[in-house]
C-alpha cells in the first residue's frame, strides 16, 4: 500500500514593517534597525518577515518601547 502525502498550503500573511517602524519613531524609541530589513535598506536582497532591532537599554527607552507596542496592540517580552 502506498501512502499519499497531502500538501497543505497556507496563504503567506502580508507583512508591512512600516507601522512598526512608525510607532517606534513616533514614540521616540532609540533603536538601531538590524537583520534583513537593514540589509534590504543597503541594497542586499534578503527575504524577511520580521523587524529586528536593538534598543538603547535605558528605563526611559523601555517605557517608550512599551508605549509603541501598546499603540500596535502588541506585548513587550523583555526576556529575549
PDB file of N, CA and C in Angstrom:
ATOM      1  N   UNK A   1       0.846  -1.172   0.000  1.00  0.00           N
ATOM      2  CA  UNK A   1       0.000   0.000   0.000  1.00  0.00           C
ATOM      3  C   UNK A   1       0.896   1.242   0.000  1.00  0.00           C
ATOM      4  N   UNK A   2       0.584   2.177  -0.853  1.00  0.00           N
ATOM      5  CA  UNK A   2       1.356   3.411  -0.936  1.00  0.00           C
ATOM      6  C   UNK A   2       0.670   4.494  -0.108  1.00  0.00           C
ATOM      7  N   UNK A   3       1.478   5.322   0.509  1.00  0.00           N
ATOM      8  CA  UNK A   3       0.901   6.462   1.225  1.00  0.00           C
ATOM      9  C   UNK A   3       0.974   7.690   0.327  1.00  0.00           C
ATOM     10  N   UNK A   4       0.003   8.515   0.443  1.00  0.00           N
ATOM     11  CA  UNK A   4      -0.051   9.739  -0.348  1.00  0.00           C
ATOM     12  C   UNK A   4       0.032  10.909   0.616  1.00  0.00           C
ATOM     13  N   UNK A   5       1.019  11.739   0.421  1.00  0.00           N
ATOM     14  CA  UNK A   5       1.174  12.921   1.269  1.00  0.00           C
ATOM     15  C   UNK A   5       0.336  14.050   0.678  1.00  0.00           C
ATOM     16  N   UNK A   6      -0.372  14.720   1.527  1.00  0.00           N
ATOM     17  CA  UNK A   6      -1.168  15.849   1.100  1.00  0.00           C
ATOM     18  C   UNK A   6      -0.445  17.116   1.528  1.00  0.00           C
ATOM     19  N   UNK A   7      -0.211  17.982   0.559  1.00  0.00           N
ATOM     20  CA  UNK A   7       0.444  19.251   0.842  1.00  0.00           C
ATOM     21  C   UNK A   7      -0.613  20.255   1.268  1.00  0.00           C
ATOM     22  N   UNK A   8      -0.461  20.763   2.453  1.00  0.00           N
ATOM     23  CA  UNK A   8      -1.383  21.779   2.946  1.00  0.00           C
ATOM     24  C   UNK A   8      -0.676  23.116   2.828  1.00  0.00           C
ATOM     25  N   UNK A   9      -1.288  24.009   2.111  1.00  0.00           N
ATOM     26  CA  UNK A   9      -0.676  25.329   1.954  1.00  0.00           C
ATOM     27  C   UNK A   9      -1.497  26.356   2.705  1.00  0.00           C
ATOM     28  N   UNK A  10      -0.814  27.293   3.258  1.00  0.00           N
ATOM     29  CA  UNK A  10      -1.443  28.399   3.964  1.00  0.00           C
ATOM     30  C   UNK A  10      -1.043  29.674   3.249  1.00  0.00           C
ATOM     31  N   UNK A  11      -1.959  30.582   3.110  1.00  0.00           N
ATOM     32  CA  UNK A  11      -1.578  31.836   2.458  1.00  0.00           C
ATOM     33  C   UNK A  11      -0.499  32.553   3.267  1.00  0.00           C
ATOM     34  N   UNK A  12       0.450  33.119   2.575  1.00  0.00           N
ATOM     35  CA  UNK A  12       1.513  33.879   3.240  1.00  0.00           C
ATOM     36  C   UNK A  12       0.911  35.167   3.779  1.00  0.00           C
ATOM     37  N   UNK A  13       1.060  35.409   5.070  1.00  0.00           N
ATOM     38  CA  UNK A  13       0.500  36.658   5.606  1.00  0.00           C
ATOM     39  C   UNK A  13       1.229  37.854   5.020  1.00  0.00           C
ATOM     40  N   UNK A  14       0.485  38.911   4.794  1.00  0.00           N
ATOM     41  CA  UNK A  14       1.103  40.118   4.291  1.00  0.00           C
ATOM     42  C   UNK A  14       1.887  40.760   5.424  1.00  0.00           C
ATOM     43  N   UNK A  15       3.089  41.201   5.111  1.00  0.00           N
ATOM     44  CA  UNK A  15       3.941  41.800   6.131  1.00  0.00           C
ATOM     45  C   UNK A  15       4.316  43.201   5.706  1.00  0.00           C
ATOM     46  N   UNK A  16       4.039  44.144   6.570  1.00  0.00           N
ATOM     47  CA  UNK A  16       4.431  45.523   6.319  1.00  0.00           C
ATOM     48  C   UNK A  16       5.120  46.057   7.569  1.00  0.00           C
ATOM     49  N   UNK A  17       6.421  46.327   7.474  1.00  0.00           N
ATOM     50  CA  UNK A  17       7.135  46.839   8.647  1.00  0.00           C
ATOM     51  C   UNK A  17       6.846  48.308   8.936  1.00  0.00           C
ATOM     52  N   UNK A  18       6.220  49.014   7.997  1.00  0.00           N
ATOM     53  CA  UNK A  18       6.015  50.459   8.153  1.00  0.00           C
ATOM     54  C   UNK A  18       5.298  50.842   9.450  1.00  0.00           C
ATOM     55  N   UNK A  19       4.196  50.188   9.828  1.00  0.00           N
ATOM     56  CA  UNK A  19       3.536  50.584  11.079  1.00  0.00           C
ATOM     57  C   UNK A  19       4.413  50.364  12.318  1.00  0.00           C
ATOM     58  N   UNK A  20       5.214  49.320  12.292  1.00  0.00           N
ATOM     59  CA  UNK A  20       6.100  49.043  13.435  1.00  0.00           C
ATOM     60  C   UNK A  20       7.157  50.135  13.551  1.00  0.00           C
ATOM     61  N   UNK A  21       7.812  50.425  12.436  1.00  0.00           N
ATOM     62  CA  UNK A  21       8.853  51.454  12.453  1.00  0.00           C
ATOM     63  C   UNK A  21       8.266  52.828  12.764  1.00  0.00           C
ATOM     64  N   UNK A  22       7.083  53.114  12.231  1.00  0.00           N
ATOM     65  CA  UNK A  22       6.438  54.402  12.512  1.00  0.00           C
ATOM     66  C   UNK A  22       6.129  54.541  13.999  1.00  0.00           C
ATOM     67  N   UNK A  23       5.652  53.474  14.634  1.00  0.00           N
ATOM     68  CA  UNK A  23       5.347  53.531  16.064  1.00  0.00           C
ATOM     69  C   UNK A  23       6.613  53.770  16.881  1.00  0.00           C
ATOM     70  N   UNK A  24       7.701  53.098  16.517  1.00  0.00           N
ATOM     71  CA  UNK A  24       8.964  53.300  17.236  1.00  0.00           C
ATOM     72  C   UNK A  24       9.445  54.747  17.112  1.00  0.00           C
ATOM     73  N   UNK A  25       9.351  55.296  15.914  1.00  0.00           N
ATOM     74  CA  UNK A  25       9.795  56.679  15.687  1.00  0.00           C
ATOM     75  C   UNK A  25       8.864  57.663  16.394  1.00  0.00           C
ATOM     76  N   UNK A  26       7.554  57.456  16.264  1.00  0.00           N
ATOM     77  CA  UNK A  26       6.584  58.354  16.893  1.00  0.00           C
ATOM     78  C   UNK A  26       6.759  58.396  18.406  1.00  0.00           C
ATOM     79  N   UNK A  27       7.063  57.255  18.996  1.00  0.00           N
ATOM     80  CA  UNK A  27       7.235  57.176  20.458  1.00  0.00           C
ATOM     81  C   UNK A  27       8.658  57.510  20.895  1.00  0.00           C
ATOM     82  N   UNK A  28       9.467  57.939  19.950  1.00  0.00           N
ATOM     83  CA  UNK A  28      10.842  58.379  20.225  1.00  0.00           C
ATOM     84  C   UNK A  28      11.704  57.292  20.850  1.00  0.00           C
ATOM     85  N   UNK A  29      11.532  56.066  20.347  1.00  0.00           N
ATOM     86  CA  UNK A  29      12.360  54.950  20.799  1.00  0.00           C
ATOM     87  C   UNK A  29      13.739  55.098  20.169  1.00  0.00           C
ATOM     88  N   UNK A  30      14.779  54.948  20.975  1.00  0.00           N
ATOM     89  CA  UNK A  30      16.151  54.946  20.466  1.00  0.00           C
ATOM     90  C   UNK A  30      16.476  53.508  20.077  1.00  0.00           C
ATOM     91  N   UNK A  31      16.617  53.273  18.766  1.00  0.00           N
ATOM     92  CA  UNK A  31      16.840  51.915  18.287  1.00  0.00           C
ATOM     93  C   UNK A  31      17.704  51.929  17.034  1.00  0.00           C
ATOM     94  N   UNK A  32      18.254  50.761  16.740  1.00  0.00           N
ATOM     95  CA  UNK A  32      19.005  50.538  15.507  1.00  0.00           C
ATOM     96  C   UNK A  32      18.332  49.382  14.794  1.00  0.00           C
ATOM     97  N   UNK A  33      18.072  49.558  13.511  1.00  0.00           N
ATOM     98  CA  UNK A  33      17.485  48.501  12.702  1.00  0.00           C
ATOM     99  C   UNK A  33      18.595  47.553  12.273  1.00  0.00           C
ATOM    100  N   UNK A  34      18.380  46.249  12.486  1.00  0.00           N
ATOM    101  CA  UNK A  34      19.373  45.236  12.109  1.00  0.00           C
ATOM    102  C   UNK A  34      18.674  44.150  11.299  1.00  0.00           C
ATOM    103  N   UNK A  35      19.375  43.138  10.900  1.00  0.00           N
ATOM    104  CA  UNK A  35      18.771  41.985  10.229  1.00  0.00           C
ATOM    105  C   UNK A  35      18.424  42.251   8.778  1.00  0.00           C
ATOM    106  N   UNK A  36      17.422  41.525   8.307  1.00  0.00           N
ATOM    107  CA  UNK A  36      17.052  41.546   6.902  1.00  0.00           C
ATOM    108  C   UNK A  36      16.597  42.903   6.400  1.00  0.00           C
ATOM    109  N   UNK A  37      15.825  43.642   7.200  1.00  0.00           N
ATOM    110  CA  UNK A  37      15.376  44.957   6.749  1.00  0.00           C
ATOM    111  C   UNK A  37      16.542  45.928   6.621  1.00  0.00           C
ATOM    112  N   UNK A  38      17.496  45.828   7.526  1.00  0.00           N
ATOM    113  CA  UNK A  38      18.681  46.681   7.423  1.00  0.00           C
ATOM    114  C   UNK A  38      19.483  46.325   6.177  1.00  0.00           C
ATOM    115  N   UNK A  39      19.620  45.038   5.905  1.00  0.00           N
ATOM    116  CA  UNK A  39      20.325  44.598   4.697  1.00  0.00           C
ATOM    117  C   UNK A  39      19.608  45.112   3.458  1.00  0.00           C
ATOM    118  N   UNK A  40      18.272  45.001   3.458  1.00  0.00           N
ATOM    119  CA  UNK A  40      17.477  45.469   2.331  1.00  0.00           C
ATOM    120  C   UNK A  40      17.663  46.975   2.128  1.00  0.00           C
ATOM    121  N   UNK A  41      17.724  47.724   3.210  1.00  0.00           N
ATOM    122  CA  UNK A  41      17.922  49.175   3.115  1.00  0.00           C
ATOM    123  C   UNK A  41      19.269  49.518   2.481  1.00  0.00           C
ATOM    124  N   UNK A  42      20.213  48.593   2.577  1.00  0.00           N
ATOM    125  CA  UNK A  42      21.537  48.796   1.976  1.00  0.00           C
ATOM    126  C   UNK A  42      21.654  48.123   0.618  1.00  0.00           C
ATOM    127  N   UNK A  43      20.518  47.669   0.073  1.00  0.00           N
ATOM    128  CA  UNK A  43      20.516  47.120  -1.274  1.00  0.00           C
ATOM    129  C   UNK A  43      20.785  45.633  -1.388  1.00  0.00           C
ATOM    130  N   UNK A  44      20.818  44.928  -0.274  1.00  0.00           N
ATOM    131  CA  UNK A  44      21.037  43.489  -0.295  1.00  0.00           C
ATOM    132  C   UNK A  44      19.674  42.811  -0.189  1.00  0.00           C
ATOM    133  N   UNK A  45      19.299  42.038  -1.211  1.00  0.00           N
ATOM    134  CA  UNK A  45      18.006  41.361  -1.186  1.00  0.00           C
ATOM    135  C   UNK A  45      18.009  40.287  -0.110  1.00  0.00           C
ATOM    136  N   UNK A  46      17.076  40.383   0.810  1.00  0.00           N
ATOM    137  CA  UNK A  46      17.033  39.458   1.937  1.00  0.00           C
ATOM    138  C   UNK A  46      15.573  39.298   2.346  1.00  0.00           C
ATOM    139  N   UNK A  47      15.031  38.119   2.143  1.00  0.00           N
ATOM    140  CA  UNK A  47      13.632  37.886   2.499  1.00  0.00           C
ATOM    141  C   UNK A  47      13.490  37.857   4.014  1.00  0.00           C
ATOM    142  N   UNK A  48      12.584  38.653   4.516  1.00  0.00           N
ATOM    143  CA  UNK A  48      12.383  38.715   5.956  1.00  0.00           C
ATOM    144  C   UNK A  48      10.920  39.007   6.253  1.00  0.00           C
ATOM    145  N   UNK A  49      10.442  38.495   7.352  1.00  0.00           N
ATOM    146  CA  UNK A  49       9.069  38.723   7.760  1.00  0.00           C
ATOM    147  C   UNK A  49       9.018  39.163   9.219  1.00  0.00           C
ATOM    148  N   UNK A  50      10.022  39.954   9.616  1.00  0.00           N
ATOM    149  CA  UNK A  50      10.042  40.488  10.967  1.00  0.00           C
ATOM    150  C   UNK A  50      10.837  41.779  10.975  1.00  0.00           C
ATOM    151  N   UNK A  51      10.826  42.442  12.105  1.00  0.00           N
ATOM    152  CA  UNK A  51      11.603  43.666  12.290  1.00  0.00           C
ATOM    153  C   UNK A  51      12.567  43.400  13.437  1.00  0.00           C
ATOM    154  N   UNK A  52      13.862  43.372  13.124  1.00  0.00           N
ATOM    155  CA  UNK A  52      14.888  43.145  14.145  1.00  0.00           C
ATOM    156  C   UNK A  52      15.481  44.487  14.544  1.00  0.00           C
ATOM    157  N   UNK A  53      15.501  44.742  15.840  1.00  0.00           N
ATOM    158  CA  UNK A  53      16.065  45.988  16.341  1.00  0.00           C
ATOM    159  C   UNK A  53      16.908  45.725  17.575  1.00  0.00           C
ATOM    160  N   UNK A  54      17.770  46.660  17.856  1.00  0.00           N
ATOM    161  CA  UNK A  54      18.471  46.711  19.138  1.00  0.00           C
ATOM    162  C   UNK A  54      18.074  48.051  19.729  1.00  0.00           C
ATOM    163  N   UNK A  55      17.593  48.018  20.965  1.00  0.00           N
ATOM    164  CA  UNK A  55      17.163  49.263  21.592  1.00  0.00           C
ATOM    165  C   UNK A  55      18.162  49.690  22.658  1.00  0.00           C
ATOM    166  N   UNK A  56      18.203  50.991  22.876  1.00  0.00           N
ATOM    167  CA  UNK A  56      19.054  51.532  23.936  1.00  0.00           C
ATOM    168  C   UNK A  56      18.496  51.058  25.279  1.00  0.00           C
ATOM    169  N   UNK A  57      19.352  50.433  26.122  1.00  0.00           N
ATOM    170  CA  UNK A  57      18.860  49.832  27.372  1.00  0.00           C
ATOM    171  C   UNK A  57      18.752  50.823  28.533  1.00  0.00           C
ATOM    172  N   UNK A  58      17.826  51.769  28.380  1.00  0.00           N
ATOM    173  CA  UNK A  58      17.573  52.703  29.485  1.00  0.00           C
ATOM    174  C   UNK A  58      16.113  52.569  29.900  1.00  0.00           C
ATOM    175  N   UNK A  59      15.809  52.959  31.124  1.00  0.00           N
ATOM    176  CA  UNK A  59      14.433  52.851  31.608  1.00  0.00           C
ATOM    177  C   UNK A  59      13.484  53.688  30.755  1.00  0.00           C
ATOM    178  N   UNK A  60      13.886  54.918  30.424  1.00  0.00           N
ATOM    179  CA  UNK A  60      13.030  55.770  29.592  1.00  0.00           C
ATOM    180  C   UNK A  60      12.771  55.137  28.230  1.00  0.00           C
ATOM    181  N   UNK A  61      13.785  54.500  27.665  1.00  0.00           N
ATOM    182  CA  UNK A  61      13.616  53.890  26.353  1.00  0.00           C
ATOM    183  C   UNK A  61      12.720  52.652  26.429  1.00  0.00           C
ATOM    184  N   UNK A  62      12.844  51.878  27.498  1.00  0.00           N
ATOM    185  CA  UNK A  62      11.940  50.741  27.679  1.00  0.00           C
ATOM    186  C   UNK A  62      10.490  51.215  27.756  1.00  0.00           C
ATOM    187  N   UNK A  63      10.267  52.305  28.474  1.00  0.00           N
ATOM    188  CA  UNK A  63       8.919  52.854  28.566  1.00  0.00           C
ATOM    189  C   UNK A  63       8.418  53.309  27.198  1.00  0.00           C
ATOM    190  N   UNK A  64       9.297  53.890  26.386  1.00  0.00           N
ATOM    191  CA  UNK A  64       8.921  54.298  25.033  1.00  0.00           C
ATOM    192  C   UNK A  64       8.591  53.088  24.164  1.00  0.00           C
ATOM    193  N   UNK A  65       9.344  51.994  24.333  1.00  0.00           N
ATOM    194  CA  UNK A  65       9.064  50.760  23.588  1.00  0.00           C
ATOM    195  C   UNK A  65       7.698  50.216  23.984  1.00  0.00           C
ATOM    196  N   UNK A  66       7.408  50.196  25.277  1.00  0.00           N
ATOM    197  CA  UNK A  66       6.113  49.711  25.746  1.00  0.00           C
ATOM    198  C   UNK A  66       4.991  50.568  25.159  1.00  0.00           C
ATOM    199  N   UNK A  67       5.188  51.875  25.112  1.00  0.00           N
ATOM    200  CA  UNK A  67       4.190  52.772  24.524  1.00  0.00           C
ATOM    201  C   UNK A  67       3.979  52.448  23.042  1.00  0.00           C
ATOM    202  N   UNK A  68       5.075  52.242  22.314  1.00  0.00           N
ATOM    203  CA  UNK A  68       4.978  51.909  20.889  1.00  0.00           C
ATOM    204  C   UNK A  68       4.252  50.579  20.693  1.00  0.00           C
ATOM    205  N   UNK A  69       4.575  49.597  21.516  1.00  0.00           N
ATOM    206  CA  UNK A  69       3.918  48.298  21.403  1.00  0.00           C
ATOM    207  C   UNK A  69       2.436  48.390  21.749  1.00  0.00           C
ATOM    208  N   UNK A  70       2.098  49.196  22.747  1.00  0.00           N
ATOM    209  CA  UNK A  70       0.688  49.407  23.075  1.00  0.00           C
ATOM    210  C   UNK A  70      -0.053  50.005  21.887  1.00  0.00           C
ATOM    211  N   UNK A  71       0.589  50.948  21.200  1.00  0.00           N
ATOM    212  CA  UNK A  71      -0.017  51.561  20.014  1.00  0.00           C
ATOM    213  C   UNK A  71      -0.273  50.522  18.929  1.00  0.00           C
ATOM    214  N   UNK A  72       0.538  49.465  18.907  1.00  0.00           N
ATOM    215  CA  UNK A  72       0.400  48.392  17.912  1.00  0.00           C
ATOM    216  C   UNK A  72      -0.431  47.219  18.426  1.00  0.00           C
ATOM    217  N   UNK A  73      -0.967  47.355  19.646  1.00  0.00           N
ATOM    218  CA  UNK A  73      -1.694  46.253  20.299  1.00  0.00           C
ATOM    219  C   UNK A  73      -0.809  45.014  20.430  1.00  0.00           C
ATOM    220  N   UNK A  74       0.445  45.220  20.747  1.00  0.00           N
ATOM    221  CA  UNK A  74       1.423  44.158  20.943  1.00  0.00           C
ATOM    222  C   UNK A  74       1.846  44.147  22.401  1.00  0.00           C
ATOM    223  N   UNK A  75       2.625  43.143  22.791  1.00  0.00           N
ATOM    224  CA  UNK A  75       3.062  42.980  24.171  1.00  0.00           C
ATOM    225  C   UNK A  75       4.578  42.913  24.220  1.00  0.00           C
ATOM    226  N   UNK A  76       5.166  43.608  25.177  1.00  0.00           N
ATOM    227  CA  UNK A  76       6.619  43.605  25.366  1.00  0.00           C
ATOM    228  C   UNK A  76       7.033  42.345  26.121  1.00  0.00           C
ATOM    229  N   UNK A  77       7.969  41.617  25.551  1.00  0.00           N
ATOM    230  CA  UNK A  77       8.522  40.430  26.191  1.00  0.00           C
ATOM    231  C   UNK A  77      10.005  40.721  26.441  1.00  0.00           C
ATOM    232  N   UNK A  78      10.325  41.130  27.641  1.00  0.00           N
ATOM    233  CA  UNK A  78      11.676  41.548  27.959  1.00  0.00           C
ATOM    234  C   UNK A  78      12.658  40.422  28.168  1.00  0.00           C
ATOM    235  N   UNK A  79      12.252  39.178  27.915  1.00  0.00           N
ATOM    236  CA  UNK A  79      13.150  38.051  28.160  1.00  0.00           C
ATOM    237  C   UNK A  79      14.023  37.726  26.964  1.00  0.00           C
ATOM    238  N   UNK A  80      13.797  38.329  25.820  1.00  0.00           N
ATOM    239  CA  UNK A  80      14.582  37.989  24.629  1.00  0.00           C
ATOM    240  C   UNK A  80      15.591  39.059  24.307  1.00  0.00           C
TER     241      UNK A  80
END
